[in-house]
Amino acid sequence: METRRIVLALGVALLLAIGATFFLYRGVIAQRASQPTLKKIVAAVKPMDAGSVLAADSVVLIDWPASLPTESTFDKVDDVVGRSLIYPVGEKQ
């Protein structure tokens, strides 16, 4: 009788472990599959001082999460070429 109880308890524990592993694994896979959507924005290649004129080789497009709010950003390099900086910017800013 005692052996039957132990085997039953081990069987139930094994089924619970398999079920928990399945649901946790499925949740991790689903989380990895939901990558954030990205958009391209213009950023400086290197730190630049205020008053610097932006050239095509001084800016680059970088990936930015679309869910994060951005104000006054540009998505085309041509939109910023020839403009002067009002404030100093750092690399990738």
N, C-alpha and C. Protein backbone atom coordinates (compact mmCIF):
# COMPACT_ATOMS: atom_id res chain seq x y z
N MET A 1 0.81 -1.18 0.00
CA MET A 1 0.00 0.00 0.00
C MET A 1 0.86 1.26 0.00
N GLU A 2 1.92 1.27 0.80
CA GLU A 2 2.81 2.42 0.86
C GLU A 2 3.51 2.65 -0.48
N THR A 3 3.89 1.59 -1.15
CA THR A 3 4.57 1.71 -2.43
C THR A 3 3.63 2.32 -3.46
N ARG A 4 2.39 1.94 -3.42
CA ARG A 4 1.42 2.48 -4.37
C ARG A 4 1.25 4.00 -4.17
N ARG A 5 1.21 4.47 -2.92
CA ARG A 5 1.08 5.89 -2.63
C ARG A 5 2.30 6.67 -3.11
N ILE A 6 3.47 6.10 -2.90
CA ILE A 6 4.70 6.78 -3.33
C ILE A 6 4.74 6.88 -4.86
N VAL A 7 4.40 5.83 -5.55
CA VAL A 7 4.39 5.84 -7.01
C VAL A 7 3.35 6.83 -7.52
N LEU A 8 2.18 6.86 -6.90
CA LEU A 8 1.14 7.81 -7.29
C LEU A 8 1.60 9.25 -7.06
N ALA A 9 2.22 9.51 -5.93
CA ALA A 9 2.72 10.86 -5.62
C ALA A 9 3.80 11.28 -6.61
N LEU A 10 4.71 10.38 -6.94
CA LEU A 10 5.76 10.68 -7.91
C LEU A 10 5.16 10.91 -9.30
N GLY A 11 4.16 10.14 -9.67
CA GLY A 11 3.50 10.33 -10.97
C GLY A 11 2.81 11.68 -11.06
N VAL A 12 2.11 12.07 -10.00
CA VAL A 12 1.44 13.37 -9.99
C VAL A 12 2.48 14.49 -10.03
N ALA A 13 3.55 14.36 -9.27
CA ALA A 13 4.61 15.37 -9.28
C ALA A 13 5.25 15.48 -10.67
N LEU A 14 5.45 14.36 -11.34
CA LEU A 14 6.02 14.37 -12.68
C LEU A 14 5.09 15.07 -13.67
N LEU A 15 3.80 14.78 -13.60
CA LEU A 15 2.84 15.45 -14.48
C LEU A 15 2.77 16.95 -14.22
N LEU A 16 2.82 17.35 -12.96
CA LEU A 16 2.83 18.78 -12.63
C LEU A 16 4.09 19.46 -13.15
N ALA A 17 5.22 18.81 -13.03
CA ALA A 17 6.48 19.38 -13.51
C ALA A 17 6.46 19.51 -15.03
N ILE A 18 5.96 18.52 -15.72
CA ILE A 18 5.87 18.58 -17.19
C ILE A 18 4.93 19.71 -17.61
N GLY A 19 3.79 19.83 -16.95
CA GLY A 19 2.84 20.89 -17.28
C GLY A 19 3.42 22.28 -17.02
N ALA A 20 4.07 22.47 -15.89
CA ALA A 20 4.67 23.77 -15.58
C ALA A 20 5.78 24.10 -16.56
N THR A 21 6.60 23.14 -16.91
CA THR A 21 7.68 23.36 -17.87
C THR A 21 7.12 23.74 -19.24
N PHE A 22 6.07 23.07 -19.67
CA PHE A 22 5.45 23.35 -20.96
C PHE A 22 4.94 24.80 -21.01
N PHE A 23 4.20 25.22 -19.98
CA PHE A 23 3.63 26.56 -20.00
C PHE A 23 4.70 27.64 -19.85
N LEU A 24 5.71 27.42 -19.03
CA LEU A 24 6.80 28.40 -18.91
C LEU A 24 7.59 28.50 -20.20
N TYR A 25 7.89 27.39 -20.83
CA TYR A 25 8.63 27.39 -22.09
C TYR A 25 7.83 28.11 -23.17
N ARG A 26 6.54 27.83 -23.24
CA ARG A 26 5.69 28.49 -24.21
C ARG A 26 5.64 30.01 -23.97
N GLY A 27 5.62 30.43 -22.73
CA GLY A 27 5.63 31.85 -22.41
C GLY A 27 6.93 32.53 -22.79
N VAL A 28 8.05 31.86 -22.60
CA VAL A 28 9.35 32.43 -22.96
C VAL A 28 9.46 32.56 -24.47
N ILE A 29 9.03 31.56 -25.20
CA ILE A 29 9.07 31.60 -26.66
C ILE A 29 8.17 32.72 -27.18
N ALA A 30 7.00 32.88 -26.60
CA ALA A 30 6.09 33.94 -27.04
C ALA A 30 6.68 35.32 -26.76
N GLN A 31 7.38 35.45 -25.64
CA GLN A 31 8.00 36.73 -25.30
C GLN A 31 9.12 37.05 -26.28
N ARG A 32 9.90 36.08 -26.67
CA ARG A 32 10.97 36.31 -27.63
C ARG A 32 10.42 36.65 -29.01
N ALA A 33 9.31 36.07 -29.35
CA ALA A 33 8.72 36.30 -30.67
C ALA A 33 8.15 37.70 -30.80
N SER A 34 7.80 38.32 -29.69
CA SER A 34 7.19 39.65 -29.75
C SER A 34 8.27 40.73 -29.63
N GLN A 35 9.10 40.84 -30.62
CA GLN A 35 10.14 41.87 -30.67
C GLN A 35 9.47 43.22 -30.93
N PRO A 36 10.00 44.28 -30.33
CA PRO A 36 9.39 45.59 -30.55
C PRO A 36 9.58 46.05 -32.00
N THR A 37 8.61 46.79 -32.50
CA THR A 37 8.75 47.34 -33.83
C THR A 37 9.68 48.54 -33.77
N LEU A 38 10.51 48.67 -34.76
CA LEU A 38 11.52 49.73 -34.76
C LEU A 38 11.25 50.70 -35.89
N LYS A 39 11.69 51.94 -35.68
CA LYS A 39 11.66 52.93 -36.74
C LYS A 39 13.05 53.55 -36.83
N LYS A 40 13.35 54.15 -37.94
CA LYS A 40 14.66 54.78 -38.15
C LYS A 40 14.56 56.27 -37.82
N ILE A 41 15.54 56.76 -37.05
CA ILE A 41 15.64 58.19 -36.79
C ILE A 41 17.08 58.64 -37.02
N VAL A 42 17.25 59.93 -37.24
CA VAL A 42 18.57 60.50 -37.53
C VAL A 42 19.29 60.78 -36.21
N ALA A 43 20.57 60.42 -36.14
CA ALA A 43 21.40 60.65 -34.96
C ALA A 43 22.80 61.08 -35.41
N ALA A 44 23.51 61.72 -34.50
CA ALA A 44 24.87 62.18 -34.79
C ALA A 44 25.84 61.01 -34.75
N VAL A 45 26.84 61.04 -35.62
CA VAL A 45 27.86 60.00 -35.66
C VAL A 45 28.85 60.18 -34.52
N LYS A 46 29.16 61.44 -34.20
CA LYS A 46 30.14 61.76 -33.15
C LYS A 46 29.62 62.96 -32.37
N PRO A 47 30.18 63.24 -31.21
CA PRO A 47 29.77 64.42 -30.46
C PRO A 47 30.04 65.69 -31.27
N MET A 48 29.07 66.61 -31.24
CA MET A 48 29.19 67.84 -32.02
C MET A 48 28.83 69.03 -31.13
N ASP A 49 29.50 70.16 -31.37
CA ASP A 49 29.27 71.37 -30.60
C ASP A 49 28.10 72.17 -31.18
N ALA A 50 27.56 73.05 -30.35
CA ALA A 50 26.50 73.95 -30.82
C ALA A 50 27.05 74.83 -31.93
N GLY A 51 26.25 75.09 -32.94
CA GLY A 51 26.68 75.90 -34.07
C GLY A 51 27.26 75.11 -35.21
N SER A 52 27.52 73.83 -35.00
CA SER A 52 28.06 72.99 -36.07
C SER A 52 27.00 72.79 -37.15
N VAL A 53 27.44 72.82 -38.39
CA VAL A 53 26.53 72.58 -39.51
C VAL A 53 26.55 71.08 -39.80
N LEU A 54 25.37 70.50 -39.91
CA LEU A 54 25.26 69.06 -40.14
C LEU A 54 25.51 68.73 -41.60
N ALA A 55 26.39 67.77 -41.81
CA ALA A 55 26.70 67.27 -43.15
C ALA A 55 26.18 65.84 -43.24
N ALA A 56 26.10 65.32 -44.45
CA ALA A 56 25.60 63.97 -44.66
C ALA A 56 26.46 62.92 -43.96
N ASP A 57 27.77 63.17 -43.84
CA ASP A 57 28.65 62.19 -43.20
C ASP A 57 28.71 62.35 -41.69
N SER A 58 28.03 63.36 -41.12
CA SER A 58 28.06 63.55 -39.67
C SER A 58 26.80 63.00 -38.99
N VAL A 59 25.87 62.47 -39.77
CA VAL A 59 24.65 61.88 -39.20
C VAL A 59 24.43 60.48 -39.78
N VAL A 60 23.66 59.70 -39.06
CA VAL A 60 23.39 58.32 -39.46
C VAL A 60 21.97 57.97 -39.00
N LEU A 61 21.34 57.01 -39.66
CA LEU A 61 20.05 56.51 -39.24
C LEU A 61 20.24 55.39 -38.23
N ILE A 62 19.53 55.46 -37.11
CA ILE A 62 19.61 54.41 -36.09
C ILE A 62 18.22 53.84 -35.86
N ASP A 63 18.17 52.62 -35.32
CA ASP A 63 16.90 51.99 -34.97
C ASP A 63 16.42 52.54 -33.64
N TRP A 64 15.12 52.81 -33.55
CA TRP A 64 14.53 53.34 -32.33
C TRP A 64 13.19 52.63 -32.12
N PRO A 65 12.89 52.19 -30.89
CA PRO A 65 11.59 51.53 -30.66
C PRO A 65 10.43 52.47 -30.97
N ALA A 66 9.50 52.01 -31.77
CA ALA A 66 8.37 52.84 -32.17
C ALA A 66 7.45 53.16 -31.00
N SER A 67 7.49 52.34 -29.95
CA SER A 67 6.61 52.57 -28.80
C SER A 67 7.11 53.69 -27.89
N LEU A 68 8.40 54.06 -27.99
CA LEU A 68 8.93 55.14 -27.17
C LEU A 68 8.68 56.48 -27.86
N PRO A 69 8.11 57.42 -27.12
CA PRO A 69 7.80 58.71 -27.76
C PRO A 69 9.06 59.50 -28.10
N THR A 70 9.05 60.10 -29.25
CA THR A 70 10.15 60.98 -29.67
C THR A 70 9.53 62.26 -30.21
N GLU A 71 10.05 63.37 -29.75
CA GLU A 71 9.57 64.66 -30.23
C GLU A 71 10.66 65.31 -31.06
N SER A 72 10.26 65.94 -32.12
CA SER A 72 11.18 66.69 -32.99
C SER A 72 12.32 65.84 -33.51
N THR A 73 12.01 64.64 -33.97
CA THR A 73 13.03 63.80 -34.60
C THR A 73 12.80 63.78 -36.10
N PHE A 74 13.84 63.40 -36.80
CA PHE A 74 13.79 63.32 -38.26
C PHE A 74 14.01 61.88 -38.67
N ASP A 75 13.35 61.49 -39.75
CA ASP A 75 13.53 60.12 -40.23
C ASP A 75 14.25 60.06 -41.57
N LYS A 76 14.69 61.21 -42.08
CA LYS A 76 15.45 61.24 -43.34
C LYS A 76 16.70 62.10 -43.12
N VAL A 77 17.83 61.60 -43.61
CA VAL A 77 19.09 62.34 -43.48
C VAL A 77 19.01 63.66 -44.24
N ASP A 78 18.37 63.66 -45.39
CA ASP A 78 18.28 64.88 -46.21
C ASP A 78 17.56 66.02 -45.49
N ASP A 79 16.69 65.69 -44.53
CA ASP A 79 15.97 66.73 -43.80
C ASP A 79 16.86 67.54 -42.85
N VAL A 80 18.00 67.00 -42.45
CA VAL A 80 18.86 67.70 -41.48
C VAL A 80 20.15 68.24 -42.09
N VAL A 81 20.51 67.79 -43.28
CA VAL A 81 21.76 68.24 -43.90
C VAL A 81 21.67 69.74 -44.16
N GLY A 82 22.70 70.47 -43.71
CA GLY A 82 22.77 71.91 -43.89
C GLY A 82 22.23 72.70 -42.71
N ARG A 83 21.59 72.05 -41.77
CA ARG A 83 21.07 72.74 -40.58
C ARG A 83 22.19 72.92 -39.56
N SER A 84 22.05 73.97 -38.74
CA SER A 84 23.00 74.23 -37.66
C SER A 84 22.42 73.74 -36.34
N LEU A 85 23.28 73.26 -35.48
CA LEU A 85 22.85 72.78 -34.17
C LEU A 85 22.67 73.96 -33.22
N ILE A 86 21.61 73.95 -32.47
CA ILE A 86 21.39 74.97 -31.44
C ILE A 86 22.05 74.55 -30.14
N TYR A 87 22.01 73.25 -29.86
CA TYR A 87 22.58 72.69 -28.64
C TYR A 87 23.65 71.65 -29.02
N PRO A 88 24.62 71.44 -28.15
CA PRO A 88 25.58 70.37 -28.44
C PRO A 88 24.88 69.00 -28.32
N VAL A 89 25.32 68.07 -29.12
CA VAL A 89 24.77 66.71 -29.07
C VAL A 89 25.90 65.71 -28.89
N GLY A 90 25.58 64.60 -28.30
CA GLY A 90 26.55 63.53 -28.12
C GLY A 90 26.41 62.50 -29.22
N GLU A 91 27.27 61.51 -29.16
CA GLU A 91 27.23 60.44 -30.15
C GLU A 91 25.91 59.67 -30.03
N LYS A 92 25.30 59.37 -31.16
CA LYS A 92 24.03 58.65 -31.26
C LYS A 92 22.86 59.43 -30.66
N GLN A 93 22.98 60.75 -30.55
CA GLN A 93 21.88 61.60 -30.07
C GLN A 93 21.20 62.24 -31.24
